[in-house]
Amino acid sequence: MAITSPPTGRPRDPEVDRRITQAAVALFGETGWAGFSLEAVARRAGVGKASIYLRWPTKEQLLTHALATRVANVADADTGTLRGDLVHLARQLLELHVGDGNQAVLRMGVEAASIPGVAERWTRLRESQVLAARAMVRRGIRRGDVPEDTSVTLLLDTLCGGVLMHAITTPAELREQLAADVDGYANRLVDFLLRSVLSTA
């Protein structure tokens, strides 16, 4: 299901769009699909229901658009070293799981398959992560940063799993500290991982 763009031919207020999509992502994260409705989003965003209905006639279209707008895909980056690339990857993953849309990301993993449009959005998010990560590790192998027999799958499972576990097991009272230490944790995690890989080479 393609992301439906809001209808054209009427004045658009970017601030209203921002409030609506932000409210939609937050509401989905808190209540899941069962508690998601255009009326509830309108109340949370402080806008009239008509403002939403004229842009997104169904809640599936609104949520799909909101997630596409506010939950970014993971992007590849060639920093010149495998370490730099993996730190960049870890930072992006951490921001997904500790940023404003973190609860929505977790909900997508659980509920996406049953929500039209959102399933495709979740697939694209996962594919962007896998493709970027594999490209990084394969460049590192070609450069000689890690041995040729390094398991791309195990390396990435360890990195991505470490980020996810760190994010979901951090107590609520420490989440602000976690968000402030994204760069630090990304660097520590990658250094630990690469030391482990190189020590077994």
N, C-alpha and C. Protein backbone atom coordinates (compact mmCIF):
# COMPACT_ATOMS: atom_id res chain seq x y z
N MET A 1 0.85 -1.19 0.00
CA MET A 1 0.00 0.00 0.00
C MET A 1 0.87 1.23 0.00
N ALA A 2 0.73 2.07 -0.98
CA ALA A 2 1.56 3.27 -1.08
C ALA A 2 1.13 4.29 -0.06
N ILE A 3 2.10 5.12 0.38
CA ILE A 3 1.80 6.20 1.30
C ILE A 3 0.94 7.22 0.59
N THR A 4 -0.21 7.53 1.17
CA THR A 4 -1.13 8.46 0.53
C THR A 4 -0.80 9.88 0.93
N SER A 5 -0.56 10.72 -0.05
CA SER A 5 -0.27 12.12 0.23
C SER A 5 -1.56 12.86 0.51
N PRO A 6 -1.50 13.85 1.41
CA PRO A 6 -2.69 14.64 1.68
C PRO A 6 -3.20 15.30 0.41
N PRO A 7 -4.50 15.51 0.27
CA PRO A 7 -5.06 16.11 -0.94
C PRO A 7 -4.47 17.47 -1.22
N THR A 8 -4.37 17.81 -2.49
CA THR A 8 -3.87 19.11 -2.88
C THR A 8 -5.02 20.08 -3.06
N GLY A 9 -4.71 21.36 -3.30
CA GLY A 9 -5.76 22.32 -3.59
C GLY A 9 -6.27 23.08 -2.39
N ARG A 10 -5.68 22.90 -1.22
CA ARG A 10 -6.09 23.66 -0.05
C ARG A 10 -4.82 24.16 0.65
N PRO A 11 -4.91 25.31 1.31
CA PRO A 11 -3.74 25.83 2.02
C PRO A 11 -3.27 24.83 3.08
N ARG A 12 -1.97 24.67 3.18
CA ARG A 12 -1.41 23.74 4.16
C ARG A 12 -0.66 24.51 5.22
N ASP A 13 -0.85 24.11 6.46
CA ASP A 13 -0.15 24.71 7.59
C ASP A 13 0.84 23.68 8.10
N PRO A 14 2.13 23.87 7.86
CA PRO A 14 3.12 22.88 8.28
C PRO A 14 3.08 22.61 9.78
N GLU A 15 2.73 23.62 10.58
CA GLU A 15 2.67 23.42 12.02
C GLU A 15 1.54 22.46 12.40
N VAL A 16 0.41 22.58 11.72
CA VAL A 16 -0.69 21.66 11.98
C VAL A 16 -0.29 20.24 11.58
N ASP A 17 0.34 20.10 10.41
CA ASP A 17 0.81 18.79 9.97
C ASP A 17 1.76 18.19 11.01
N ARG A 18 2.68 19.02 11.51
CA ARG A 18 3.66 18.54 12.49
C ARG A 18 2.96 18.05 13.76
N ARG A 19 2.00 18.83 14.25
CA ARG A 19 1.30 18.44 15.47
C ARG A 19 0.51 17.16 15.29
N ILE A 20 -0.11 17.02 14.13
CA ILE A 20 -0.91 15.82 13.87
C ILE A 20 -0.03 14.58 13.77
N THR A 21 1.04 14.66 12.99
CA THR A 21 1.89 13.47 12.83
C THR A 21 2.61 13.13 14.13
N GLN A 22 3.01 14.14 14.88
CA GLN A 22 3.65 13.89 16.17
C GLN A 22 2.66 13.21 17.13
N ALA A 23 1.44 13.71 17.15
CA ALA A 23 0.42 13.12 18.02
C ALA A 23 0.09 11.70 17.59
N ALA A 24 0.04 11.46 16.29
CA ALA A 24 -0.28 10.12 15.79
C ALA A 24 0.77 9.10 16.21
N VAL A 25 2.04 9.46 16.05
CA VAL A 25 3.12 8.54 16.42
C VAL A 25 3.12 8.29 17.93
N ALA A 26 2.93 9.35 18.72
CA ALA A 26 2.93 9.20 20.17
C ALA A 26 1.75 8.34 20.63
N LEU A 27 0.57 8.59 20.07
CA LEU A 27 -0.61 7.82 20.46
C LEU A 27 -0.45 6.34 20.11
N PHE A 28 0.03 6.07 18.91
CA PHE A 28 0.24 4.68 18.51
C PHE A 28 1.23 4.00 19.45
N GLY A 29 2.30 4.70 19.81
CA GLY A 29 3.29 4.13 20.71
C GLY A 29 2.70 3.79 22.07
N GLU A 30 1.81 4.63 22.56
CA GLU A 30 1.24 4.43 23.89
C GLU A 30 0.10 3.42 23.92
N THR A 31 -0.76 3.45 22.91
CA THR A 31 -1.98 2.63 22.98
C THR A 31 -2.03 1.50 21.97
N GLY A 32 -1.12 1.52 20.98
CA GLY A 32 -1.20 0.51 19.94
C GLY A 32 -2.34 0.78 18.98
N TRP A 33 -2.53 -0.15 18.04
CA TRP A 33 -3.54 0.02 17.02
C TRP A 33 -4.95 0.01 17.62
N ALA A 34 -5.15 -0.75 18.68
CA ALA A 34 -6.49 -0.87 19.28
C ALA A 34 -6.97 0.47 19.82
N GLY A 35 -6.05 1.31 20.29
CA GLY A 35 -6.44 2.59 20.86
C GLY A 35 -6.25 3.76 19.92
N PHE A 36 -5.94 3.47 18.67
CA PHE A 36 -5.63 4.53 17.71
C PHE A 36 -6.88 4.91 16.92
N SER A 37 -7.21 6.19 16.90
CA SER A 37 -8.35 6.68 16.12
C SER A 37 -8.07 8.11 15.69
N LEU A 38 -8.73 8.55 14.62
CA LEU A 38 -8.55 9.92 14.16
C LEU A 38 -9.04 10.91 15.21
N GLU A 39 -10.12 10.56 15.91
CA GLU A 39 -10.64 11.43 16.95
C GLU A 39 -9.64 11.60 18.08
N ALA A 40 -9.02 10.51 18.50
CA ALA A 40 -8.05 10.58 19.60
C ALA A 40 -6.82 11.39 19.19
N VAL A 41 -6.39 11.23 17.93
CA VAL A 41 -5.25 12.01 17.45
C VAL A 41 -5.61 13.49 17.43
N ALA A 42 -6.81 13.81 16.98
CA ALA A 42 -7.24 15.22 16.93
C ALA A 42 -7.21 15.84 18.33
N ARG A 43 -7.72 15.10 19.32
CA ARG A 43 -7.70 15.63 20.69
C ARG A 43 -6.28 15.86 21.17
N ARG A 44 -5.42 14.92 20.90
CA ARG A 44 -4.04 15.02 21.38
C ARG A 44 -3.30 16.16 20.68
N ALA A 45 -3.57 16.34 19.40
CA ALA A 45 -2.90 17.39 18.63
C ALA A 45 -3.51 18.77 18.86
N GLY A 46 -4.70 18.81 19.45
CA GLY A 46 -5.37 20.08 19.68
C GLY A 46 -5.90 20.70 18.40
N VAL A 47 -6.39 19.84 17.49
CA VAL A 47 -6.95 20.33 16.23
C VAL A 47 -8.34 19.75 16.06
N GLY A 48 -9.11 20.33 15.16
CA GLY A 48 -10.41 19.79 14.85
C GLY A 48 -10.32 18.52 14.03
N LYS A 49 -11.31 17.65 14.17
CA LYS A 49 -11.30 16.40 13.41
C LYS A 49 -11.25 16.67 11.91
N ALA A 50 -11.89 17.76 11.47
CA ALA A 50 -11.92 18.06 10.05
C ALA A 50 -10.52 18.29 9.50
N SER A 51 -9.62 18.84 10.32
CA SER A 51 -8.24 19.08 9.88
C SER A 51 -7.55 17.78 9.52
N ILE A 52 -7.91 16.71 10.23
CA ILE A 52 -7.32 15.40 9.94
C ILE A 52 -8.03 14.73 8.78
N TYR A 53 -9.35 14.72 8.81
CA TYR A 53 -10.10 14.02 7.77
C TYR A 53 -9.83 14.58 6.38
N LEU A 54 -9.61 15.88 6.28
CA LEU A 54 -9.33 16.48 4.97
C LEU A 54 -7.95 16.08 4.45
N ARG A 55 -7.07 15.73 5.34
CA ARG A 55 -5.71 15.33 4.95
C ARG A 55 -5.59 13.82 4.79
N TRP A 56 -6.12 13.09 5.77
CA TRP A 56 -6.02 11.63 5.78
C TRP A 56 -7.39 11.05 6.11
N PRO A 57 -8.11 10.57 5.10
CA PRO A 57 -9.49 10.10 5.32
C PRO A 57 -9.59 8.87 6.23
N THR A 58 -8.51 8.08 6.36
CA THR A 58 -8.58 6.90 7.20
C THR A 58 -7.43 6.91 8.19
N LYS A 59 -7.61 6.18 9.26
CA LYS A 59 -6.55 6.13 10.27
C LYS A 59 -5.33 5.35 9.76
N GLU A 60 -5.56 4.40 8.85
CA GLU A 60 -4.42 3.68 8.26
C GLU A 60 -3.52 4.64 7.47
N GLN A 61 -4.15 5.52 6.69
CA GLN A 61 -3.38 6.48 5.90
C GLN A 61 -2.63 7.46 6.80
N LEU A 62 -3.29 7.92 7.86
CA LEU A 62 -2.63 8.85 8.78
C LEU A 62 -1.44 8.20 9.45
N LEU A 63 -1.61 7.02 10.00
CA LEU A 63 -0.51 6.39 10.73
C LEU A 63 0.64 6.04 9.80
N THR A 64 0.33 5.53 8.62
CA THR A 64 1.39 5.21 7.67
C THR A 64 2.19 6.45 7.31
N HIS A 65 1.49 7.55 7.02
CA HIS A 65 2.18 8.80 6.68
C HIS A 65 2.99 9.33 7.87
N ALA A 66 2.42 9.27 9.06
CA ALA A 66 3.10 9.79 10.24
C ALA A 66 4.38 9.00 10.53
N LEU A 67 4.31 7.70 10.41
CA LEU A 67 5.51 6.88 10.66
C LEU A 67 6.57 7.11 9.59
N ALA A 68 6.13 7.26 8.34
CA ALA A 68 7.09 7.53 7.27
C ALA A 68 7.76 8.88 7.46
N THR A 69 7.03 9.84 8.03
CA THR A 69 7.54 11.19 8.22
C THR A 69 8.44 11.30 9.43
N ARG A 70 8.10 10.60 10.51
CA ARG A 70 8.74 10.85 11.79
C ARG A 70 9.65 9.73 12.28
N VAL A 71 9.64 8.57 11.59
CA VAL A 71 10.54 7.47 11.95
C VAL A 71 11.44 7.21 10.76
N ALA A 72 12.68 7.66 10.85
CA ALA A 72 13.58 7.65 9.70
C ALA A 72 14.15 6.27 9.42
N ASN A 73 14.39 5.99 8.14
CA ASN A 73 15.12 4.79 7.76
C ASN A 73 16.56 4.90 8.22
N VAL A 74 17.21 3.75 8.32
CA VAL A 74 18.64 3.71 8.65
C VAL A 74 19.41 3.93 7.36
N ALA A 75 20.40 4.82 7.41
CA ALA A 75 21.15 5.19 6.20
C ALA A 75 22.58 4.67 6.26
N ASP A 76 23.09 4.28 5.11
CA ASP A 76 24.49 3.87 4.99
C ASP A 76 25.37 5.12 5.07
N ALA A 77 26.60 4.91 5.52
CA ALA A 77 27.58 6.00 5.55
C ALA A 77 28.97 5.40 5.46
N ASP A 78 29.78 5.92 4.57
CA ASP A 78 31.16 5.46 4.42
C ASP A 78 32.07 6.50 5.05
N THR A 79 32.48 6.23 6.29
CA THR A 79 33.34 7.17 7.02
C THR A 79 34.81 6.93 6.75
N GLY A 80 35.13 5.85 6.05
CA GLY A 80 36.53 5.52 5.77
C GLY A 80 37.06 4.39 6.62
N THR A 81 36.37 4.06 7.71
CA THR A 81 36.77 2.94 8.57
C THR A 81 35.53 2.16 8.97
N LEU A 82 35.71 0.87 9.24
CA LEU A 82 34.58 0.07 9.71
C LEU A 82 34.11 0.58 11.06
N ARG A 83 35.05 0.95 11.91
CA ARG A 83 34.66 1.45 13.23
C ARG A 83 33.74 2.68 13.09
N GLY A 84 34.15 3.62 12.27
CA GLY A 84 33.34 4.82 12.09
C GLY A 84 31.97 4.50 11.52
N ASP A 85 31.94 3.57 10.56
CA ASP A 85 30.66 3.18 9.97
C ASP A 85 29.74 2.56 11.01
N LEU A 86 30.29 1.65 11.83
CA LEU A 86 29.46 0.96 12.82
C LEU A 86 29.00 1.90 13.93
N VAL A 87 29.84 2.85 14.29
CA VAL A 87 29.41 3.85 15.28
C VAL A 87 28.23 4.65 14.72
N HIS A 88 28.34 5.01 13.44
CA HIS A 88 27.24 5.73 12.78
C HIS A 88 25.97 4.89 12.80
N LEU A 89 26.09 3.60 12.51
CA LEU A 89 24.94 2.71 12.52
C LEU A 89 24.36 2.59 13.92
N ALA A 90 25.22 2.35 14.91
CA ALA A 90 24.75 2.20 16.28
C ALA A 90 24.05 3.46 16.77
N ARG A 91 24.56 4.61 16.38
CA ARG A 91 23.94 5.87 16.79
C ARG A 91 22.54 5.99 16.20
N GLN A 92 22.39 5.64 14.93
CA GLN A 92 21.07 5.70 14.30
C GLN A 92 20.08 4.75 14.98
N LEU A 93 20.54 3.55 15.29
CA LEU A 93 19.66 2.57 15.93
C LEU A 93 19.27 3.03 17.33
N LEU A 94 20.22 3.59 18.05
CA LEU A 94 19.91 4.10 19.38
C LEU A 94 18.89 5.23 19.32
N GLU A 95 19.07 6.11 18.35
CA GLU A 95 18.13 7.23 18.22
C GLU A 95 16.72 6.73 17.89
N LEU A 96 16.64 5.65 17.12
CA LEU A 96 15.33 5.06 16.84
C LEU A 96 14.66 4.57 18.12
N HIS A 97 15.47 3.99 19.01
CA HIS A 97 14.91 3.33 20.19
C HIS A 97 14.86 4.20 21.44
N VAL A 98 15.46 5.37 21.40
CA VAL A 98 15.38 6.25 22.56
C VAL A 98 14.78 7.61 22.22
N GLY A 99 14.56 7.87 20.93
CA GLY A 99 13.99 9.14 20.51
C GLY A 99 12.50 9.23 20.78
N ASP A 100 11.88 10.29 20.29
CA ASP A 100 10.47 10.53 20.56
C ASP A 100 9.57 9.41 20.03
N GLY A 101 10.00 8.75 18.96
CA GLY A 101 9.17 7.70 18.38
C GLY A 101 9.52 6.31 18.84
N ASN A 102 10.27 6.18 19.95
CA ASN A 102 10.78 4.86 20.35
C ASN A 102 9.67 3.86 20.64
N GLN A 103 8.59 4.31 21.31
CA GLN A 103 7.51 3.37 21.60
C GLN A 103 6.80 2.92 20.33
N ALA A 104 6.68 3.83 19.38
CA ALA A 104 6.04 3.48 18.11
C ALA A 104 6.87 2.46 17.35
N VAL A 105 8.20 2.58 17.42
CA VAL A 105 9.07 1.61 16.75
C VAL A 105 8.85 0.22 17.34
N LEU A 106 8.77 0.13 18.67
CA LEU A 106 8.52 -1.16 19.30
C LEU A 106 7.15 -1.70 18.91
N ARG A 107 6.15 -0.83 18.86
CA ARG A 107 4.82 -1.25 18.45
C ARG A 107 4.82 -1.77 17.02
N MET A 108 5.56 -1.11 16.16
CA MET A 108 5.62 -1.56 14.78
C MET A 108 6.12 -2.99 14.70
N GLY A 109 7.13 -3.30 15.49
CA GLY A 109 7.68 -4.65 15.46
C GLY A 109 6.68 -5.71 15.87
N VAL A 110 5.74 -5.33 16.74
CA VAL A 110 4.75 -6.29 17.24
C VAL A 110 3.49 -6.31 16.39
N GLU A 111 3.02 -5.13 15.96
CA GLU A 111 1.70 -5.03 15.35
C GLU A 111 1.69 -4.75 13.85
N ALA A 112 2.83 -4.43 13.27
CA ALA A 112 2.84 -3.95 11.88
C ALA A 112 2.15 -4.91 10.91
N ALA A 113 2.34 -6.20 11.09
CA ALA A 113 1.81 -7.17 10.13
C ALA A 113 0.30 -7.10 9.98
N SER A 114 -0.39 -6.60 11.01
CA SER A 114 -1.86 -6.59 10.97
C SER A 114 -2.43 -5.22 10.61
N ILE A 115 -1.57 -4.25 10.26
CA ILE A 115 -2.05 -2.90 9.96
C ILE A 115 -1.72 -2.57 8.51
N PRO A 116 -2.72 -2.40 7.65
CA PRO A 116 -2.45 -2.08 6.24
C PRO A 116 -1.59 -0.82 6.12
N GLY A 117 -0.59 -0.90 5.28
CA GLY A 117 0.30 0.24 5.08
C GLY A 117 1.46 0.26 6.03
N VAL A 118 1.20 0.02 7.31
CA VAL A 118 2.26 0.04 8.32
C VAL A 118 3.17 -1.18 8.14
N ALA A 119 2.62 -2.29 7.69
CA ALA A 119 3.44 -3.47 7.45
C ALA A 119 4.53 -3.15 6.42
N GLU A 120 4.16 -2.44 5.35
CA GLU A 120 5.14 -2.08 4.34
C GLU A 120 6.16 -1.09 4.90
N ARG A 121 5.71 -0.16 5.73
CA ARG A 121 6.63 0.79 6.34
C ARG A 121 7.64 0.08 7.23
N TRP A 122 7.20 -0.90 8.00
CA TRP A 122 8.08 -1.66 8.88
C TRP A 122 9.08 -2.48 8.05
N THR A 123 8.61 -3.05 6.96
CA THR A 123 9.50 -3.80 6.09
C THR A 123 10.60 -2.91 5.53
N ARG A 124 10.23 -1.71 5.07
CA ARG A 124 11.24 -0.79 4.53
C ARG A 124 12.23 -0.36 5.60
N LEU A 125 11.76 -0.15 6.83
CA LEU A 125 12.66 0.23 7.91
C LEU A 125 13.66 -0.87 8.20
N ARG A 126 13.19 -2.10 8.27
CA ARG A 126 14.08 -3.23 8.53
C ARG A 126 15.05 -3.45 7.37
N GLU A 127 14.55 -3.33 6.15
CA GLU A 127 15.42 -3.52 5.00
C GLU A 127 16.51 -2.45 4.95
N SER A 128 16.18 -1.21 5.29
CA SER A 128 17.19 -0.15 5.27
C SER A 128 18.29 -0.45 6.29
N GLN A 129 17.90 -1.00 7.43
CA GLN A 129 18.88 -1.35 8.46
C GLN A 129 19.81 -2.46 7.98
N VAL A 130 19.22 -3.50 7.41
CA VAL A 130 20.02 -4.66 6.96
C VAL A 130 20.95 -4.27 5.82
N LEU A 131 20.43 -3.55 4.82
CA LEU A 131 21.24 -3.19 3.67
C LEU A 131 22.39 -2.27 4.05
N ALA A 132 22.11 -1.28 4.89
CA ALA A 132 23.17 -0.36 5.32
C ALA A 132 24.23 -1.10 6.12
N ALA A 133 23.79 -1.94 7.04
CA ALA A 133 24.73 -2.65 7.90
C ALA A 133 25.61 -3.60 7.11
N ARG A 134 25.02 -4.35 6.19
CA ARG A 134 25.82 -5.29 5.40
C ARG A 134 26.83 -4.56 4.53
N ALA A 135 26.42 -3.43 3.96
CA ALA A 135 27.35 -2.66 3.13
C ALA A 135 28.54 -2.20 3.96
N MET A 136 28.29 -1.76 5.19
CA MET A 136 29.37 -1.29 6.06
C MET A 136 30.37 -2.40 6.36
N VAL A 137 29.86 -3.56 6.75
CA VAL A 137 30.75 -4.65 7.13
C VAL A 137 31.52 -5.17 5.93
N ARG A 138 30.87 -5.28 4.79
CA ARG A 138 31.57 -5.78 3.60
C ARG A 138 32.66 -4.81 3.14
N ARG A 139 32.41 -3.50 3.29
CA ARG A 139 33.48 -2.54 2.99
C ARG A 139 34.64 -2.74 3.95
N GLY A 140 34.32 -2.98 5.22
CA GLY A 140 35.37 -3.20 6.21
C GLY A 140 36.21 -4.42 5.91
N ILE A 141 35.57 -5.47 5.44
CA ILE A 141 36.30 -6.68 5.06
C ILE A 141 37.21 -6.40 3.88
N ARG A 142 36.69 -5.67 2.87
CA ARG A 142 37.51 -5.35 1.69
C ARG A 142 38.71 -4.48 2.07
N ARG A 143 38.54 -3.60 3.03
CA ARG A 143 39.64 -2.72 3.46
C ARG A 143 40.62 -3.43 4.36
N GLY A 144 40.26 -4.60 4.86
CA GLY A 144 41.12 -5.32 5.79
C GLY A 144 40.94 -4.90 7.24
N ASP A 145 39.86 -4.19 7.53
CA ASP A 145 39.61 -3.79 8.92
C ASP A 145 39.31 -4.99 9.81
N VAL A 146 38.68 -6.01 9.24
CA VAL A 146 38.39 -7.25 9.95
C VAL A 146 38.71 -8.40 9.00
N PRO A 147 38.94 -9.60 9.53
CA PRO A 147 39.29 -10.75 8.67
C PRO A 147 38.22 -11.07 7.65
N GLU A 148 38.65 -11.70 6.55
CA GLU A 148 37.71 -12.05 5.48
C GLU A 148 36.65 -13.03 5.93
N ASP A 149 36.97 -13.87 6.93
CA ASP A 149 36.00 -14.88 7.37
C ASP A 149 35.08 -14.36 8.47
N THR A 150 35.09 -13.05 8.71
CA THR A 150 34.18 -12.48 9.71
C THR A 150 32.74 -12.71 9.29
N SER A 151 31.94 -13.21 10.22
CA SER A 151 30.53 -13.45 9.94
C SER A 151 29.78 -12.12 9.98
N VAL A 152 29.31 -11.70 8.82
CA VAL A 152 28.54 -10.45 8.76
C VAL A 152 27.30 -10.57 9.63
N THR A 153 26.63 -11.71 9.55
CA THR A 153 25.38 -11.90 10.30
C THR A 153 25.61 -11.82 11.80
N LEU A 154 26.62 -12.54 12.31
CA LEU A 154 26.86 -12.54 13.76
C LEU A 154 27.31 -11.17 14.25
N LEU A 155 28.15 -10.49 13.47
CA LEU A 155 28.60 -9.17 13.88
C LEU A 155 27.42 -8.21 14.00
N LEU A 156 26.56 -8.24 13.01
CA LEU A 156 25.42 -7.31 13.01
C LEU A 156 24.36 -7.72 14.03
N ASP A 157 24.16 -9.03 14.21
CA ASP A 157 23.23 -9.47 15.25
C ASP A 157 23.68 -8.97 16.61
N THR A 158 24.98 -9.04 16.86
CA THR A 158 25.51 -8.60 18.15
C THR A 158 25.36 -7.10 18.33
N LEU A 159 25.68 -6.34 17.29
CA LEU A 159 25.55 -4.89 17.38
C LEU A 159 24.09 -4.47 17.57
N CYS A 160 23.23 -4.96 16.68
CA CYS A 160 21.82 -4.54 16.74
C CYS A 160 21.14 -5.06 18.00
N GLY A 161 21.47 -6.27 18.38
CA GLY A 161 20.90 -6.83 19.61
C GLY A 161 21.36 -6.07 20.84
N GLY A 162 22.63 -5.66 20.84
CA GLY A 162 23.13 -4.89 21.97
C GLY A 162 22.42 -3.56 22.11
N VAL A 163 22.21 -2.90 20.99
CA VAL A 163 21.49 -1.61 21.01
C VAL A 163 20.07 -1.82 21.53
N LEU A 164 19.37 -2.82 21.00
CA LEU A 164 17.98 -3.04 21.39
C LEU A 164 17.86 -3.38 22.87
N MET A 165 18.69 -4.28 23.36
CA MET A 165 18.62 -4.68 24.76
C MET A 165 18.94 -3.50 25.67
N HIS A 166 19.94 -2.71 25.30
CA HIS A 166 20.30 -1.55 26.11
C HIS A 166 19.13 -0.57 26.18
N ALA A 167 18.46 -0.38 25.06
CA ALA A 167 17.36 0.59 25.00
C ALA A 167 16.14 0.12 25.78
N ILE A 168 15.76 -1.15 25.62
CA ILE A 168 14.50 -1.58 26.22
C ILE A 168 14.64 -1.97 27.69
N THR A 169 15.87 -2.22 28.16
CA THR A 169 16.04 -2.60 29.56
C THR A 169 16.45 -1.44 30.45
N THR A 170 16.72 -0.28 29.86
CA THR A 170 17.06 0.89 30.67
C THR A 170 15.82 1.36 31.42
N PRO A 171 15.88 1.49 32.75
CA PRO A 171 14.71 1.93 33.53
C PRO A 171 14.25 3.33 33.10
N ALA A 172 12.99 3.59 33.31
CA ALA A 172 12.40 4.86 32.89
C ALA A 172 13.13 6.06 33.47
N GLU A 173 13.57 5.93 34.73
CA GLU A 173 14.23 7.06 35.37
C GLU A 173 15.62 7.35 34.81
N LEU A 174 16.16 6.43 33.99
CA LEU A 174 17.48 6.63 33.41
C LEU A 174 17.43 6.92 31.91
N ARG A 175 16.25 7.05 31.36
CA ARG A 175 16.14 7.20 29.91
C ARG A 175 16.69 8.55 29.43
N GLU A 176 16.53 9.59 30.22
CA GLU A 176 17.12 10.88 29.83
C GLU A 176 18.63 10.77 29.77
N GLN A 177 19.20 10.07 30.73
CA GLN A 177 20.65 9.86 30.74
C GLN A 177 21.07 9.04 29.52
N LEU A 178 20.29 8.04 29.19
CA LEU A 178 20.58 7.22 28.01
C LEU A 178 20.55 8.07 26.75
N ALA A 179 19.53 8.91 26.61
CA ALA A 179 19.41 9.76 25.42
C ALA A 179 20.59 10.72 25.31
N ALA A 180 21.09 11.17 26.45
CA ALA A 180 22.22 12.11 26.44
C ALA A 180 23.53 11.41 26.14
N ASP A 181 23.56 10.08 26.26
CA ASP A 181 24.82 9.33 26.10
C ASP A 181 24.80 8.47 24.84
N VAL A 182 24.00 8.83 23.85
CA VAL A 182 23.92 8.04 22.62
C VAL A 182 25.29 7.89 21.97
N ASP A 183 26.01 8.99 21.80
CA ASP A 183 27.33 8.92 21.16
C ASP A 183 28.30 8.07 21.97
N GLY A 184 28.30 8.29 23.28
CA GLY A 184 29.22 7.55 24.13
C GLY A 184 28.96 6.06 24.10
N TYR A 185 27.69 5.67 24.21
CA TYR A 185 27.39 4.25 24.20
C TYR A 185 27.68 3.62 22.85
N ALA A 186 27.37 4.34 21.77
CA ALA A 186 27.65 3.82 20.43
C ALA A 186 29.14 3.53 20.27
N ASN A 187 29.99 4.43 20.73
CA ASN A 187 31.44 4.23 20.64
C ASN A 187 31.90 3.07 21.52
N ARG A 188 31.38 2.98 22.74
CA ARG A 188 31.81 1.89 23.64
C ARG A 188 31.37 0.54 23.11
N LEU A 189 30.15 0.47 22.59
CA LEU A 189 29.64 -0.80 22.07
C LEU A 189 30.46 -1.27 20.87
N VAL A 190 30.74 -0.37 19.94
CA VAL A 190 31.50 -0.76 18.74
C VAL A 190 32.93 -1.14 19.11
N ASP A 191 33.55 -0.42 20.02
CA ASP A 191 34.91 -0.77 20.44
C ASP A 191 34.94 -2.16 21.07
N PHE A 192 33.97 -2.46 21.91
CA PHE A 192 33.90 -3.78 22.54
C PHE A 192 33.71 -4.86 21.48
N LEU A 193 32.82 -4.61 20.54
CA LEU A 193 32.53 -5.59 19.50
C LEU A 193 33.74 -5.86 18.62
N LEU A 194 34.41 -4.80 18.18
CA LEU A 194 35.56 -4.99 17.30
C LEU A 194 36.73 -5.63 18.03
N ARG A 195 36.92 -5.33 19.30
CA ARG A 195 37.97 -6.00 20.06
C ARG A 195 37.70 -7.50 20.11
N SER A 196 36.44 -7.87 20.29
CA SER A 196 36.07 -9.28 20.34
C SER A 196 36.33 -9.95 18.99
N VAL A 197 35.98 -9.28 17.91
CA VAL A 197 36.18 -9.84 16.57
C VAL A 197 37.66 -10.01 16.28
N LEU A 198 38.45 -9.01 16.57
CA LEU A 198 39.87 -9.04 16.23
C LEU A 198 40.66 -9.97 17.15
N SER A 199 40.18 -10.16 18.37
CA SER A 199 40.90 -11.04 19.30
C SER A 199 40.77 -12.50 18.93
N THR A 200 39.75 -12.83 18.14
CA THR A 200 39.55 -14.22 17.73
C THR A 200 40.07 -14.47 16.32
N ALA A 201 40.64 -13.41 15.70
CA ALA A 201 41.13 -13.57 14.33
C ALA A 201 42.37 -14.46 14.28
